[in-house]
Amino acid sequence: MRQSELFCQTKKELPKEIQAISYQYLLRGDFVEQTISGVYRFLPLGLRVHRKIEEIIREEMVKLGAQEVNLPVLQNKALWLETGRWNTIDPPLFKLKDRHQKETALGPTHEEEIVDIARKRITSYKDLPVYLFQIQNKFRNEIRPTAGLLRLKEFVMKDLYSFHRDENDLIRFYNAVKRSYFRIFQRCGLKTLCVEANPGTIGGKLSHEFMVLSENGEDSIFICQKCGFGVNLEKVGEIKNCPVCQGKLEKKRAIELGHIFYLGTKYSQAMGAKYRDRDGKERLILMGCYGIGVPRLMAAIVEVHHDEKGIIWPKEIAPFQVHLIRIENSPKVRKTSEKLYRELFSFISQKKSSGKLTLSREKQPFQVLYDDREDKTPGEKFADADLIGIPIRIVISNRTLAKNCLEIKRREEKNPKLLKIKSLNRIF
């Protein structure tokens, strides 16, 4: 992508009332913009990051054996009446009437919908277990949307639902999802803690949240430095000692990234979702559900990965892998920049073979943002590069070419390095 063609207008300053650093940088970098309270537009850079996070999540769900579905945003009132949540869920539903005065609601979660699907198709123990997931818009009637993407009224969530014969199988899969969540957050560049949590209005007898420590977090958690036990303050209230090893607990601020629930028979009982076991006896299906809010995860990554100049995206979710910057417009600089841009775009790796530099073609090209803008100073280009936060910056100028070199800088490093053009493969 040529930066002269990228639909993006970075900003130097923002209103003083914006406190969360993730909100500041995502707005300044033109990744997102607010339309109304708690509702955001994702612009090209922001959508690229969002989609990459989605793909990481999707890959890990498929590894678990889950199959993807897409359920409606407009939800059937009759299903919510079956579970008794039409008037009791918190936050309350966004309710609306169609032209026939029939009530529907915008879906904040999809337990009712998914159980309705399952009860029509699962009849025997041979049909179990089943794992279904989606990555889809949710609507939460929040009273106080705050801190940009950290708390929203409309957002994309991955929700996974599992259906089981017995408790042992449900616990087995529940723990497998735990491991999968740790992998997801690690791939997104985050070190997370898994803590016991309050199931809230989703329900169930067992619940865990995945947290990343942050001063801007809305949650307070207790962590035992001795055994690693963790719990959300909402679940236990103020306690001083670890219930597992009696060690001292530390209170920390954190951002919730994901929440998993052992639902048991809460919804299958309310909606009559049953199967017949090996002996022909009718039993209730056991369930679990497992969620990750994608925009919140994106904001949390920025809260953790930034410096005083801007965002530092982890490589797997960065909007581009390489930021190629052309300084000056001499014929030699222009020609070299264009050539390198084409090569990086066409080839994903460079390798030495028989003493010669060769290009090895792969299925996918590098994702390169090429700053070919002629109306920006070097300082403006570098400031935008630091703000946007692409992992690798390559600068081409008359100075570097005089030494037959490129200037290379990883976003997390302070100082650039000169690298011979023929040695460029070393950084990838």
Protein backbone atom coordinates (compact mmCIF):
# COMPACT_ATOMS: atom_id res chain seq x y z
CA MET A 1 0.00 0.00 0.00
CA ARG A 2 1.32 3.42 -0.96
CA GLN A 3 0.87 5.86 1.90
CA SER A 4 -0.09 8.56 -0.58
CA GLU A 5 -3.17 6.41 -1.33
CA LEU A 6 -3.91 5.31 2.25
CA PHE A 7 -7.15 6.75 3.62
CA CYS A 8 -5.69 8.08 6.86
CA GLN A 9 -5.26 11.49 8.47
CA THR A 10 -3.15 11.39 11.61
CA LYS A 11 -3.64 14.03 14.30
CA LYS A 12 -1.13 15.84 16.49
CA GLU A 13 -3.47 16.77 19.33
CA LEU A 14 -6.70 15.55 20.92
CA PRO A 15 -9.17 16.95 23.47
CA LYS A 16 -7.66 17.02 26.97
CA GLU A 17 -10.47 14.96 28.50
CA ILE A 18 -9.32 11.80 26.69
CA GLN A 19 -7.35 9.91 29.33
CA ALA A 20 -6.83 6.30 28.19
CA ILE A 21 -3.60 6.03 26.21
CA SER A 22 -5.09 3.43 23.85
CA TYR A 23 -7.94 5.81 23.03
CA GLN A 24 -5.50 8.66 22.41
CA TYR A 25 -3.25 6.75 20.04
CA LEU A 26 -6.01 4.94 18.16
CA LEU A 27 -7.71 8.29 17.50
CA ARG A 28 -4.50 10.14 16.65
CA GLY A 29 -3.37 7.35 14.32
CA ASP A 30 -6.80 7.41 12.60
CA PHE A 31 -7.49 3.77 13.37
CA VAL A 32 -10.97 4.54 14.71
CA GLU A 33 -13.33 7.44 15.34
CA GLN A 34 -16.37 7.84 17.56
CA THR A 35 -19.77 8.40 16.03
CA ILE A 36 -21.92 8.38 19.20
CA SER A 37 -21.13 7.43 22.77
CA GLY A 38 -19.90 3.84 22.88
CA VAL A 39 -20.03 3.36 19.10
CA TYR A 40 -16.99 3.56 16.82
CA ARG A 41 -16.14 3.49 13.14
CA PHE A 42 -13.16 1.33 12.20
CA LEU A 43 -11.11 3.05 9.50
CA PRO A 44 -8.70 1.19 7.14
CA LEU A 45 -5.76 0.91 9.57
CA GLY A 46 -8.01 -0.05 12.47
CA LEU A 47 -9.92 -2.63 10.46
CA ARG A 48 -6.67 -4.28 9.34
CA VAL A 49 -5.65 -4.78 12.97
CA HIS A 50 -9.15 -5.91 13.97
CA ARG A 51 -9.25 -8.50 11.18
CA LYS A 52 -5.84 -9.89 12.12
CA ILE A 53 -6.98 -10.38 15.71
CA GLU A 54 -10.11 -12.09 14.40
CA GLU A 55 -7.99 -14.47 12.31
CA ILE A 56 -5.81 -15.44 15.27
CA ILE A 57 -8.94 -16.20 17.27
CA ARG A 58 -10.51 -18.10 14.36
CA GLU A 59 -7.39 -20.23 13.88
CA GLU A 60 -7.33 -21.20 17.56
CA MET A 61 -11.06 -22.01 17.60
CA VAL A 62 -10.65 -24.32 14.60
CA LYS A 63 -7.75 -26.04 16.38
CA LEU A 64 -10.18 -26.84 19.21
CA GLY A 65 -12.48 -28.54 16.71
CA ALA A 66 -15.07 -25.75 16.74
CA GLN A 67 -17.20 -24.96 13.70
CA GLU A 68 -18.14 -21.41 12.74
CA VAL A 69 -21.70 -20.13 12.51
CA ASN A 70 -23.29 -16.72 12.09
CA LEU A 71 -26.34 -15.92 14.20
CA PRO A 72 -28.76 -13.01 13.78
CA VAL A 73 -28.37 -9.65 15.47
CA LEU A 74 -32.17 -9.30 15.71
CA GLN A 75 -33.25 -11.83 18.31
CA ASN A 76 -36.49 -13.68 18.88
CA LYS A 77 -38.34 -12.43 21.99
CA ALA A 78 -39.98 -15.83 22.50
CA LEU A 79 -36.59 -17.47 23.09
CA TRP A 80 -35.67 -14.88 25.73
CA LEU A 81 -38.98 -15.43 27.47
CA GLU A 82 -38.16 -19.14 27.71
CA THR A 83 -35.03 -18.39 29.76
CA GLY A 84 -36.69 -15.56 31.70
CA ARG A 85 -34.03 -13.03 30.64
CA TRP A 86 -36.16 -10.71 28.47
CA ASN A 87 -36.60 -8.26 31.35
CA THR A 88 -33.81 -9.30 33.71
CA ILE A 89 -30.50 -9.34 31.82
CA ASP A 90 -28.04 -6.62 32.84
CA PRO A 91 -27.30 -4.39 30.99
CA PRO A 92 -30.90 -4.37 29.74
CA LEU A 93 -31.67 -5.27 26.14
CA PHE A 94 -31.91 -2.79 23.31
CA LYS A 95 -35.55 -3.47 22.37
CA LEU A 96 -37.34 -2.33 19.24
CA LYS A 97 -40.59 -2.92 17.36
CA ASP A 98 -41.02 -3.63 13.67
CA ARG A 99 -43.79 -2.09 11.53
CA HIS A 100 -46.17 -4.80 12.77
CA GLN A 101 -45.45 -3.81 16.39
CA LYS A 102 -43.67 -7.10 17.01
CA GLU A 103 -40.89 -6.79 19.59
CA THR A 104 -37.33 -7.93 18.95
CA ALA A 105 -34.00 -7.14 20.60
CA LEU A 106 -30.44 -6.47 19.48
CA GLY A 107 -28.35 -9.39 20.65
CA PRO A 108 -25.93 -8.74 23.52
CA THR A 109 -25.15 -12.48 23.71
CA HIS A 110 -26.43 -15.62 21.98
CA GLU A 111 -27.22 -18.35 24.51
CA GLU A 112 -30.90 -18.49 23.56
CA GLU A 113 -30.18 -18.61 19.83
CA ILE A 114 -27.51 -21.30 20.07
CA VAL A 115 -29.58 -23.55 22.36
CA ASP A 116 -32.50 -23.30 19.94
CA ILE A 117 -30.19 -24.53 17.17
CA ALA A 118 -28.78 -27.34 19.32
CA ARG A 119 -32.07 -28.68 20.67
CA LYS A 120 -33.38 -29.18 17.12
CA ARG A 121 -30.33 -31.20 16.05
CA ILE A 122 -28.90 -33.00 19.09
CA THR A 123 -30.98 -36.00 20.05
CA SER A 124 -28.49 -38.73 21.01
CA TYR A 125 -25.25 -39.13 22.95
CA LYS A 126 -23.74 -39.93 19.54
CA ASP A 127 -24.31 -36.29 18.52
CA LEU A 128 -22.13 -34.97 21.34
CA PRO A 129 -19.87 -33.14 21.95
CA VAL A 130 -20.50 -30.14 19.66
CA TYR A 131 -18.54 -26.87 19.56
CA LEU A 132 -19.91 -23.84 17.69
CA PHE A 133 -18.45 -20.34 17.52
CA GLN A 134 -19.02 -17.03 15.79
CA ILE A 135 -17.29 -13.65 15.46
CA GLN A 136 -20.11 -11.18 15.30
CA ASN A 137 -21.51 -7.83 16.43
CA LYS A 138 -22.97 -7.51 19.91
CA PHE A 139 -25.02 -4.70 21.43
CA ARG A 140 -24.80 -3.88 25.13
CA ASN A 141 -26.96 -1.16 26.65
CA GLU A 142 -24.12 0.17 28.81
CA ILE A 143 -24.96 3.03 31.15
CA ARG A 144 -21.40 4.38 31.00
CA PRO A 145 -19.33 3.52 27.93
CA THR A 146 -15.78 4.60 28.75
CA ALA A 147 -12.13 4.75 27.64
CA GLY A 148 -12.65 4.37 23.92
CA LEU A 149 -12.72 0.72 22.87
CA LEU A 150 -12.48 -0.64 26.41
CA ARG A 151 -16.25 -0.42 27.04
CA LEU A 152 -18.67 -0.16 24.12
CA LYS A 153 -22.34 -0.32 23.22
CA GLU A 154 -21.62 -2.01 19.89
CA PHE A 155 -18.64 -4.30 19.37
CA VAL A 156 -17.49 -7.54 17.76
CA MET A 157 -17.21 -10.58 20.00
CA LYS A 158 -16.03 -14.11 19.50
CA ASP A 159 -18.43 -16.36 21.36
CA LEU A 160 -17.93 -20.11 21.51
CA TYR A 161 -20.55 -22.53 22.84
CA SER A 162 -19.92 -26.17 23.72
CA PHE A 163 -22.43 -28.99 24.28
CA HIS A 164 -21.57 -32.14 26.26
CA ARG A 165 -22.87 -35.45 27.61
CA ASP A 166 -21.39 -35.19 31.08
CA GLU A 167 -19.44 -33.04 33.49
CA ASN A 168 -16.09 -34.72 32.84
CA ASP A 169 -16.25 -33.93 29.12
CA LEU A 170 -17.32 -30.34 29.80
CA ILE A 171 -14.45 -29.80 32.28
CA ARG A 172 -12.00 -31.32 29.77
CA PHE A 173 -13.08 -28.88 27.08
CA TYR A 174 -13.31 -25.95 29.51
CA ASN A 175 -9.63 -26.48 30.34
CA ALA A 176 -8.75 -26.85 26.66
CA VAL A 177 -10.33 -23.45 26.01
CA LYS A 178 -8.27 -22.00 28.86
CA ARG A 179 -5.10 -23.17 27.12
CA SER A 180 -6.36 -21.85 23.79
CA TYR A 181 -7.03 -18.42 25.31
CA PHE A 182 -3.51 -18.21 26.68
CA ARG A 183 -2.23 -18.93 23.14
CA ILE A 184 -4.49 -16.30 21.59
CA PHE A 185 -3.38 -13.58 23.98
CA GLN A 186 0.27 -14.60 23.69
CA ARG A 187 0.07 -14.33 19.90
CA CYS A 188 -1.39 -10.85 20.41
CA GLY A 189 1.62 -9.91 22.51
CA LEU A 190 -0.01 -10.06 25.95
CA LYS A 191 0.91 -11.88 29.14
CA THR A 192 -2.37 -12.70 30.86
CA LEU A 193 -3.64 -13.94 34.19
CA CYS A 194 -6.58 -16.31 34.58
CA VAL A 195 -8.66 -15.46 37.66
CA GLU A 196 -11.83 -16.77 39.26
CA ALA A 197 -14.79 -14.56 38.40
CA ASN A 198 -18.44 -13.82 39.04
CA PRO A 199 -20.64 -15.44 36.35
CA GLY A 200 -22.99 -12.42 36.41
CA THR A 201 -26.18 -12.58 34.34
CA ILE A 202 -24.73 -15.21 31.97
CA GLY A 203 -24.78 -17.66 34.88
CA GLY A 204 -23.24 -21.03 35.65
CA LYS A 205 -21.43 -22.49 38.64
CA LEU A 206 -17.87 -21.83 37.43
CA SER A 207 -16.35 -18.84 35.68
CA HIS A 208 -12.89 -17.46 34.87
CA GLU A 209 -11.67 -14.18 33.40
CA PHE A 210 -8.45 -13.55 31.51
CA MET A 211 -6.83 -10.32 32.66
CA VAL A 212 -3.91 -8.14 31.64
CA LEU A 213 -2.51 -5.80 34.27
CA SER A 214 -3.05 -2.13 33.44
CA GLU A 215 -3.48 1.09 35.40
CA ASN A 216 -6.39 1.97 33.11
CA GLY A 217 -8.18 -1.30 33.86
CA GLU A 218 -11.74 -1.16 35.17
CA ASP A 219 -11.37 -4.35 37.21
CA SER A 220 -9.64 -4.93 40.54
CA ILE A 221 -8.12 -8.37 41.04
CA PHE A 222 -6.26 -10.13 43.85
CA ILE A 223 -3.13 -12.04 42.87
CA CYS A 224 -1.12 -14.40 45.08
CA GLN A 225 2.57 -13.96 44.33
CA LYS A 226 3.32 -17.31 45.98
CA CYS A 227 1.05 -19.78 44.17
CA GLY A 228 -0.42 -17.67 41.34
CA PHE A 229 -4.05 -17.85 42.53
CA GLY A 230 -6.15 -14.96 41.25
CA VAL A 231 -9.69 -13.75 41.77
CA ASN A 232 -11.80 -10.78 40.72
CA LEU A 233 -12.81 -8.42 43.51
CA GLU A 234 -16.43 -8.69 42.31
CA LYS A 235 -16.44 -12.38 43.29
CA VAL A 236 -14.96 -12.26 46.79
CA GLY A 237 -14.86 -8.72 48.17
CA GLU A 238 -11.84 -7.57 50.20
CA ILE A 239 -9.59 -10.43 51.40
CA LYS A 240 -5.98 -10.41 52.62
CA ASN A 241 -4.77 -13.99 52.35
CA CYS A 242 -4.81 -16.54 49.54
CA PRO A 243 -7.47 -19.24 50.11
CA VAL A 244 -5.17 -21.82 48.45
CA CYS A 245 -1.80 -21.31 50.22
CA GLN A 246 -2.54 -18.53 52.76
CA GLY A 247 0.04 -16.32 51.05
CA LYS A 248 -0.40 -12.55 50.91
CA LEU A 249 -2.64 -11.24 48.13
CA GLU A 250 -1.80 -8.14 46.10
CA LYS A 251 -4.53 -5.93 44.68
CA LYS A 252 -4.00 -4.91 41.05
CA ARG A 253 -5.86 -3.00 38.34
CA ALA A 254 -6.55 -5.02 35.20
CA ILE A 255 -8.41 -5.15 31.88
CA GLU A 256 -10.66 -8.12 31.21
CA LEU A 257 -9.84 -9.70 27.83
CA GLY A 258 -11.95 -12.84 27.87
CA HIS A 259 -14.52 -14.62 30.03
CA ILE A 260 -15.38 -18.33 30.12
CA PHE A 261 -18.37 -19.97 31.82
CA TYR A 262 -19.28 -23.47 32.94
CA LEU A 263 -23.03 -23.17 32.28
CA GLY A 264 -24.01 -26.72 33.11
CA THR A 265 -27.74 -27.19 32.48
CA LYS A 266 -28.83 -23.57 33.11
CA TYR A 267 -30.04 -22.98 29.55
CA SER A 268 -30.71 -26.53 28.43
CA GLN A 269 -33.12 -26.96 31.34
CA ALA A 270 -34.91 -23.68 30.65
CA MET A 271 -35.27 -24.49 26.94
CA GLY A 272 -35.65 -28.27 27.05
CA ALA A 273 -32.40 -29.18 25.27
CA LYS A 274 -32.04 -32.94 25.89
CA TYR A 275 -30.40 -36.06 24.49
CA ARG A 276 -30.78 -39.81 25.03
CA ASP A 277 -27.84 -41.63 26.63
CA ARG A 278 -26.58 -45.15 25.84
CA ASP A 279 -29.39 -46.64 27.91
CA GLY A 280 -32.07 -44.59 26.15
CA LYS A 281 -32.56 -42.35 29.16
CA GLU A 282 -33.33 -38.70 28.48
CA ARG A 283 -30.77 -36.26 29.93
CA LEU A 284 -30.14 -32.53 29.81
CA ILE A 285 -27.25 -31.35 27.64
CA LEU A 286 -24.42 -29.67 29.55
CA MET A 287 -23.02 -26.43 28.19
CA GLY A 288 -20.11 -24.02 28.38
CA CYS A 289 -19.64 -20.60 26.77
CA TYR A 290 -16.48 -18.64 26.12
CA GLY A 291 -16.15 -15.01 24.95
CA ILE A 292 -13.50 -12.53 23.75
CA GLY A 293 -14.31 -8.91 22.89
CA VAL A 294 -12.16 -8.02 19.86
CA PRO A 295 -12.09 -4.18 20.13
CA ARG A 296 -11.31 -4.36 23.85
CA LEU A 297 -8.46 -6.78 23.12
CA MET A 298 -7.18 -4.35 20.48
CA ALA A 299 -7.26 -1.45 22.98
CA ALA A 300 -5.59 -3.54 25.69
CA ILE A 301 -2.73 -4.33 23.32
CA VAL A 302 -2.13 -0.59 22.84
CA GLU A 303 -2.34 0.00 26.60
CA VAL A 304 0.52 -2.46 27.06
CA HIS A 305 2.52 -1.83 23.86
CA HIS A 306 3.29 1.85 23.43
CA ASP A 307 5.82 4.54 24.23
CA GLU A 308 5.74 8.33 24.34
CA LYS A 309 5.63 8.52 20.53
CA GLY A 310 2.88 6.06 19.70
CA ILE A 311 1.82 2.45 19.32
CA ILE A 312 4.20 -0.54 19.13
CA TRP A 313 2.15 -3.27 17.45
CA PRO A 314 3.13 -6.92 17.96
CA LYS A 315 4.07 -8.35 14.57
CA GLU A 316 1.14 -10.76 14.15
CA ILE A 317 -1.50 -8.06 14.43
CA ALA A 318 0.26 -4.99 13.02
CA PRO A 319 -1.62 -3.30 10.15
CA PHE A 320 1.50 -3.79 8.01
CA GLN A 321 4.72 -5.70 8.65
CA VAL A 322 7.10 -3.19 7.07
CA HIS A 323 7.04 0.61 6.83
CA LEU A 324 9.21 1.64 3.88
CA ILE A 325 10.01 5.37 4.00
CA ARG A 326 11.51 7.34 1.15
CA ILE A 327 13.48 10.42 2.17
CA GLU A 328 14.27 12.91 -0.61
CA ASN A 329 13.21 12.50 -4.19
CA SER A 330 16.42 12.15 -6.16
CA PRO A 331 16.18 9.76 -9.14
CA LYS A 332 18.38 7.19 -7.39
CA VAL A 333 16.38 7.26 -4.14
CA ARG A 334 13.10 7.06 -6.02
CA LYS A 335 14.27 4.18 -8.24
CA THR A 336 15.70 2.17 -5.34
CA SER A 337 12.61 2.74 -3.20
CA GLU A 338 10.24 1.65 -5.95
CA LYS A 339 12.34 -1.44 -6.69
CA LEU A 340 12.48 -2.47 -3.04
CA TYR A 341 8.76 -1.87 -2.62
CA ARG A 342 7.99 -4.17 -5.54
CA GLU A 343 10.36 -6.84 -4.23
CA LEU A 344 9.01 -6.76 -0.70
CA PHE A 345 5.47 -6.84 -2.03
CA SER A 346 6.19 -9.77 -4.36
CA PHE A 347 8.43 -11.90 -2.18
CA ILE A 348 8.20 -12.84 1.45
CA SER A 349 11.79 -13.92 2.01
CA GLN A 350 15.27 -13.48 0.61
CA LYS A 351 17.80 -16.29 0.89
CA LYS A 352 21.40 -16.89 -0.11
CA SER A 353 22.02 -19.78 -2.45
CA SER A 354 25.45 -20.71 -3.87
CA GLY A 355 26.89 -17.45 -2.61
CA LYS A 356 24.29 -15.34 -4.44
CA LEU A 357 21.29 -13.47 -3.09
CA THR A 358 18.11 -15.07 -4.39
CA LEU A 359 14.45 -14.36 -3.81
CA SER A 360 12.26 -17.17 -2.56
CA ARG A 361 8.63 -16.84 -3.63
CA GLU A 362 5.97 -17.77 -1.08
CA LYS A 363 2.17 -17.78 -1.09
CA GLN A 364 1.73 -14.43 0.67
CA PRO A 365 3.66 -11.19 0.07
CA PHE A 366 4.93 -8.89 2.77
CA GLN A 367 2.41 -6.33 3.86
CA VAL A 368 4.25 -3.10 3.19
CA LEU A 369 3.22 0.49 3.78
CA TYR A 370 5.35 2.59 1.44
CA ASP A 371 5.60 6.26 2.44
CA ASP A 372 5.96 7.81 -0.99
CA ARG A 373 4.37 11.12 0.05
CA GLU A 374 6.09 14.14 -1.45
CA ASP A 375 4.34 16.81 0.64
CA LYS A 376 5.69 15.62 4.01
CA THR A 377 9.01 16.41 5.67
CA PRO A 378 11.25 13.61 7.01
CA GLY A 379 10.24 14.63 10.53
CA GLU A 380 6.54 14.33 9.71
CA LYS A 381 7.09 10.93 8.12
CA PHE A 382 9.00 9.62 11.14
CA ALA A 383 6.39 10.99 13.56
CA ASP A 384 3.61 9.23 11.64
CA ALA A 385 5.65 6.02 11.54
CA ASP A 386 6.15 6.06 15.32
CA LEU A 387 2.47 6.83 15.92
CA ILE A 388 1.16 4.09 13.62
CA GLY A 389 3.59 1.59 15.12
CA ILE A 390 4.48 -0.83 12.30
CA PRO A 391 7.12 -3.31 13.55
CA ILE A 392 9.95 -2.68 11.04
CA ARG A 393 10.90 0.68 9.51
CA ILE A 394 13.17 0.84 6.44
CA VAL A 395 14.46 4.25 5.36
CA ILE A 396 16.03 4.98 2.00
CA SER A 397 17.87 8.26 1.44
CA ASN A 398 20.84 9.68 -0.45
CA ARG A 399 22.89 9.25 2.72
CA THR A 400 22.10 5.56 3.08
CA LEU A 401 22.56 4.82 -0.61
CA ALA A 402 25.96 6.51 -0.59
CA LYS A 403 27.00 3.63 1.68
CA ASN A 404 25.01 1.06 -0.32
CA CYS A 405 22.86 0.64 2.79
CA LEU A 406 19.35 0.92 4.15
CA GLU A 407 18.45 2.33 7.55
CA ILE A 408 16.60 -0.30 9.59
CA LYS A 409 14.77 0.28 12.85
CA ARG A 410 12.49 -2.00 14.80
CA ARG A 411 9.68 -0.02 16.39
CA GLU A 412 10.56 -1.06 19.96
CA GLU A 413 14.22 -0.05 19.53
CA LYS A 414 15.54 3.45 20.14
CA ASN A 415 18.24 3.70 17.50
CA PRO A 416 18.30 2.75 13.80
CA LYS A 417 21.01 0.65 12.18
CA LEU A 418 22.59 0.73 8.75
CA LEU A 419 22.36 -2.54 6.87
CA LYS A 420 23.83 -3.43 3.50
CA ILE A 421 21.07 -3.77 0.91
CA LYS A 422 22.20 -7.29 0.02
CA SER A 423 21.84 -8.29 3.71
CA LEU A 424 18.22 -7.25 4.02
CA ASN A 425 17.07 -10.86 4.43
CA ARG A 426 18.61 -10.92 7.93
CA ILE A 427 15.78 -8.85 9.44
CA PHE A 428 12.94 -11.11 8.26
